[in-house]
């Protein structure tokens, strides 16, 4: 059985990567309100 800590770290990194991609898309669409929400969420996950 794999360590849960490793799985949690991997899933957090995956989520951050997905959020970064969504953030980039929001900026390209000039959806700055959404971009700000995503930025804050990423900061929260990164600690």
PDB file of N, CA and C in Angstrom:
ATOM      1  N   UNK A   1       0.843  -1.202   0.000  1.00  0.00           N
ATOM      2  CA  UNK A   1       0.000   0.000   0.000  1.00  0.00           C
ATOM      3  C   UNK A   1       0.877   1.250   0.000  1.00  0.00           C
ATOM      4  N   UNK A   2       0.543   2.193  -0.865  1.00  0.00           N
ATOM      5  CA  UNK A   2       1.313   3.429  -0.946  1.00  0.00           C
ATOM      6  C   UNK A   2       0.966   4.344   0.222  1.00  0.00           C
ATOM      7  N   UNK A   3       1.922   5.208   0.559  1.00  0.00           N
ATOM      8  CA  UNK A   3       1.677   6.160   1.633  1.00  0.00           C
ATOM      9  C   UNK A   3       0.645   7.186   1.179  1.00  0.00           C
ATOM     10  N   UNK A   4      -0.284   7.490   2.058  1.00  0.00           N
ATOM     11  CA  UNK A   4      -1.320   8.463   1.726  1.00  0.00           C
ATOM     12  C   UNK A   4      -0.718   9.848   1.534  1.00  0.00           C
ATOM     13  N   UNK A   5       0.317  10.156   2.287  1.00  0.00           N
ATOM     14  CA  UNK A   5       0.963  11.464   2.180  1.00  0.00           C
ATOM     15  C   UNK A   5       1.420  11.715   0.741  1.00  0.00           C
ATOM     16  N   UNK A   6       2.025  10.702   0.129  1.00  0.00           N
ATOM     17  CA  UNK A   6       2.486  10.813  -1.255  1.00  0.00           C
ATOM     18  C   UNK A   6       1.297  11.053  -2.181  1.00  0.00           C
ATOM     19  N   UNK A   7       0.226  10.311  -1.984  1.00  0.00           N
ATOM     20  CA  UNK A   7      -0.966  10.464  -2.812  1.00  0.00           C
ATOM     21  C   UNK A   7      -1.561  11.867  -2.659  1.00  0.00           C
ATOM     22  N   UNK A   8      -1.629  12.351  -1.414  1.00  0.00           N
ATOM     23  CA  UNK A   8      -2.174  13.682  -1.169  1.00  0.00           C
ATOM     24  C   UNK A   8      -1.335  14.749  -1.858  1.00  0.00           C
ATOM     25  N   UNK A   9      -0.026  14.614  -1.768  1.00  0.00           N
ATOM     26  CA  UNK A   9       0.877  15.578  -2.402  1.00  0.00           C
ATOM     27  C   UNK A   9       0.667  15.566  -3.907  1.00  0.00           C
ATOM     28  N   UNK A  10       0.603  14.387  -4.483  1.00  0.00           N
ATOM     29  CA  UNK A  10       0.420  14.258  -5.930  1.00  0.00           C
ATOM     30  C   UNK A  10      -0.916  14.870  -6.350  1.00  0.00           C
ATOM     31  N   UNK A  11      -1.972  14.580  -5.618  1.00  0.00           N
ATOM     32  CA  UNK A  11      -3.277  15.104  -6.004  1.00  0.00           C
ATOM     33  C   UNK A  11      -3.323  16.619  -5.845  1.00  0.00           C
ATOM     34  N   UNK A  12      -2.649  17.152  -4.834  1.00  0.00           N
ATOM     35  CA  UNK A  12      -2.585  18.605  -4.671  1.00  0.00           C
ATOM     36  C   UNK A  12      -1.839  19.237  -5.832  1.00  0.00           C
ATOM     37  N   UNK A  13      -0.732  18.623  -6.226  1.00  0.00           N
ATOM     38  CA  UNK A  13       0.046  19.145  -7.353  1.00  0.00           C
ATOM     39  C   UNK A  13      -0.774  19.090  -8.639  1.00  0.00           C
ATOM     40  N   UNK A  14      -1.522  18.005  -8.818  1.00  0.00           N
ATOM     41  CA  UNK A  14      -2.383  17.884  -9.998  1.00  0.00           C
ATOM     42  C   UNK A  14      -3.451  18.976  -9.992  1.00  0.00           C
ATOM     43  N   UNK A  15      -4.022  19.216  -8.815  1.00  0.00           N
ATOM     44  CA  UNK A  15      -5.065  20.236  -8.707  1.00  0.00           C
ATOM     45  C   UNK A  15      -4.485  21.618  -8.990  1.00  0.00           C
ATOM     46  N   UNK A  16      -3.300  21.890  -8.447  1.00  0.00           N
ATOM     47  CA  UNK A  16      -2.643  23.173  -8.692  1.00  0.00           C
ATOM     48  C   UNK A  16      -2.358  23.348 -10.182  1.00  0.00           C
ATOM     49  N   UNK A  17      -1.876  22.288 -10.825  1.00  0.00           N
ATOM     50  CA  UNK A  17      -1.603  22.355 -12.272  1.00  0.00           C
ATOM     51  C   UNK A  17      -2.879  22.669 -13.046  1.00  0.00           C
ATOM     52  N   UNK A  18      -3.968  22.021 -12.677  1.00  0.00           N
ATOM     53  CA  UNK A  18      -5.245  22.255 -13.345  1.00  0.00           C
ATOM     54  C   UNK A  18      -5.722  23.686 -13.109  1.00  0.00           C
ATOM     55  N   UNK A  19      -5.559  24.169 -11.878  1.00  0.00           N
ATOM     56  CA  UNK A  19      -5.969  25.534 -11.562  1.00  0.00           C
ATOM     57  C   UNK A  19      -5.126  26.552 -12.317  1.00  0.00           C
ATOM     58  N   UNK A  20      -3.825  26.278 -12.441  1.00  0.00           N
ATOM     59  CA  UNK A  20      -2.945  27.186 -13.193  1.00  0.00           C
ATOM     60  C   UNK A  20      -3.386  27.268 -14.659  1.00  0.00           C
ATOM     61  N   UNK A  21      -3.760  26.131 -15.236  1.00  0.00           N
ATOM     62  CA  UNK A  21      -4.229  26.106 -16.623  1.00  0.00           C
ATOM     63  C   UNK A  21      -5.522  26.914 -16.754  1.00  0.00           C
ATOM     64  N   UNK A  22      -6.409  26.746 -15.779  1.00  0.00           N
ATOM     65  CA  UNK A  22      -7.678  27.481 -15.791  1.00  0.00           C
ATOM     66  C   UNK A  22      -7.424  28.978 -15.589  1.00  0.00           C
ATOM     67  N   UNK A  23      -6.454  29.304 -14.744  1.00  0.00           N
ATOM     68  CA  UNK A  23      -6.072  30.694 -14.504  1.00  0.00           C
ATOM     69  C   UNK A  23      -5.580  31.346 -15.791  1.00  0.00           C
ATOM     70  N   UNK A  24      -4.722  30.645 -16.507  1.00  0.00           N
ATOM     71  CA  UNK A  24      -4.192  31.162 -17.777  1.00  0.00           C
ATOM     72  C   UNK A  24      -5.334  31.432 -18.756  1.00  0.00           C
ATOM     73  N   UNK A  25      -6.274  30.490 -18.815  1.00  0.00           N
ATOM     74  CA  UNK A  25      -7.419  30.632 -19.709  1.00  0.00           C
ATOM     75  C   UNK A  25      -8.287  31.825 -19.310  1.00  0.00           C
ATOM     76  N   UNK A  26      -8.499  31.984 -18.006  1.00  0.00           N
ATOM     77  CA  UNK A  26      -9.307  33.106 -17.517  1.00  0.00           C
ATOM     78  C   UNK A  26      -8.662  34.440 -17.883  1.00  0.00           C
ATOM     79  N   UNK A  27      -7.338  34.522 -17.751  1.00  0.00           N
ATOM     80  CA  UNK A  27      -6.618  35.749 -18.105  1.00  0.00           C
ATOM     81  C   UNK A  27      -6.744  36.029 -19.602  1.00  0.00           C
ATOM     82  N   UNK A  28      -6.591  34.984 -20.415  1.00  0.00           N
ATOM     83  CA  UNK A  28      -6.708  35.152 -21.868  1.00  0.00           C
ATOM     84  C   UNK A  28      -8.093  35.661 -22.265  1.00  0.00           C
ATOM     85  N   UNK A  29      -9.114  35.222 -21.523  1.00  0.00           N
ATOM     86  CA  UNK A  29     -10.488  35.655 -21.802  1.00  0.00           C
ATOM     87  C   UNK A  29     -10.821  36.964 -21.082  1.00  0.00           C
ATOM     88  N   UNK A  30      -9.814  37.530 -20.400  1.00  0.00           N
ATOM     89  CA  UNK A  30      -9.972  38.761 -19.629  1.00  0.00           C
ATOM     90  C   UNK A  30     -11.049  38.624 -18.555  1.00  0.00           C
ATOM     91  N   UNK A  31     -11.151  37.418 -18.000  1.00  0.00           N
ATOM     92  CA  UNK A  31     -12.071  37.155 -16.899  1.00  0.00           C
ATOM     93  C   UNK A  31     -11.268  37.299 -15.602  1.00  0.00           C
ATOM     94  N   UNK A  32     -11.002  38.560 -15.248  1.00  0.00           N
ATOM     95  CA  UNK A  32     -10.072  38.825 -14.156  1.00  0.00           C
ATOM     96  C   UNK A  32     -10.647  38.495 -12.781  1.00  0.00           C
ATOM     97  N   UNK A  33     -11.960  38.558 -12.645  1.00  0.00           N
ATOM     98  CA  UNK A  33     -12.576  38.188 -11.371  1.00  0.00           C
ATOM     99  C   UNK A  33     -12.334  36.702 -11.092  1.00  0.00           C
ATOM    100  N   UNK A  34     -12.541  35.876 -12.112  1.00  0.00           N
ATOM    101  CA  UNK A  34     -12.286  34.431 -11.985  1.00  0.00           C
ATOM    102  C   UNK A  34     -10.794  34.176 -11.763  1.00  0.00           C
ATOM    103  N   UNK A  35      -9.960  34.914 -12.475  1.00  0.00           N
ATOM    104  CA  UNK A  35      -8.513  34.761 -12.333  1.00  0.00           C
ATOM    105  C   UNK A  35      -8.081  35.036 -10.894  1.00  0.00           C
ATOM    106  N   UNK A  36      -8.664  36.059 -10.283  1.00  0.00           N
ATOM    107  CA  UNK A  36      -8.330  36.394  -8.898  1.00  0.00           C
ATOM    108  C   UNK A  36      -8.753  35.270  -7.951  1.00  0.00           C
ATOM    109  N   UNK A  37      -9.929  34.697  -8.180  1.00  0.00           N
ATOM    110  CA  UNK A  37     -10.398  33.581  -7.354  1.00  0.00           C
ATOM    111  C   UNK A  37      -9.448  32.395  -7.474  1.00  0.00           C
ATOM    112  N   UNK A  38      -9.055  32.087  -8.699  1.00  0.00           N
ATOM    113  CA  UNK A  38      -8.153  30.963  -8.946  1.00  0.00           C
ATOM    114  C   UNK A  38      -6.798  31.201  -8.300  1.00  0.00           C
ATOM    115  N   UNK A  39      -6.290  32.425  -8.437  1.00  0.00           N
ATOM    116  CA  UNK A  39      -4.999  32.772  -7.837  1.00  0.00           C
ATOM    117  C   UNK A  39      -5.034  32.540  -6.324  1.00  0.00           C
ATOM    118  N   UNK A  40      -6.118  32.987  -5.695  1.00  0.00           N
ATOM    119  CA  UNK A  40      -6.247  32.816  -4.251  1.00  0.00           C
ATOM    120  C   UNK A  40      -6.342  31.342  -3.874  1.00  0.00           C
ATOM    121  N   UNK A  41      -7.052  30.573  -4.674  1.00  0.00           N
ATOM    122  CA  UNK A  41      -7.184  29.137  -4.412  1.00  0.00           C
ATOM    123  C   UNK A  41      -5.833  28.439  -4.543  1.00  0.00           C
ATOM    124  N   UNK A  42      -5.065  28.809  -5.558  1.00  0.00           N
ATOM    125  CA  UNK A  42      -3.728  28.240  -5.759  1.00  0.00           C
ATOM    126  C   UNK A  42      -2.837  28.586  -4.570  1.00  0.00           C
ATOM    127  N   UNK A  43      -2.881  29.844  -4.133  1.00  0.00           N
ATOM    128  CA  UNK A  43      -2.075  30.265  -2.980  1.00  0.00           C
ATOM    129  C   UNK A  43      -2.436  29.447  -1.746  1.00  0.00           C
ATOM    130  N   UNK A  44      -3.729  29.203  -1.563  1.00  0.00           N
ATOM    131  CA  UNK A  44      -4.185  28.421  -0.418  1.00  0.00           C
ATOM    132  C   UNK A  44      -3.665  26.994  -0.451  1.00  0.00           C
ATOM    133  N   UNK A  45      -3.660  26.393  -1.622  1.00  0.00           N
ATOM    134  CA  UNK A  45      -3.182  25.017  -1.763  1.00  0.00           C
ATOM    135  C   UNK A  45      -1.670  24.923  -1.592  1.00  0.00           C
ATOM    136  N   UNK A  46      -0.960  25.950  -2.058  1.00  0.00           N
ATOM    137  CA  UNK A  46       0.498  25.935  -1.962  1.00  0.00           C
ATOM    138  C   UNK A  46       0.964  26.200  -0.533  1.00  0.00           C
ATOM    139  N   UNK A  47       0.080  26.772   0.277  1.00  0.00           N
ATOM    140  CA  UNK A  47       0.444  27.036   1.665  1.00  0.00           C
ATOM    141  C   UNK A  47       1.148  28.341   1.775  1.00  0.00           C
TER     142      UNK A  47
END
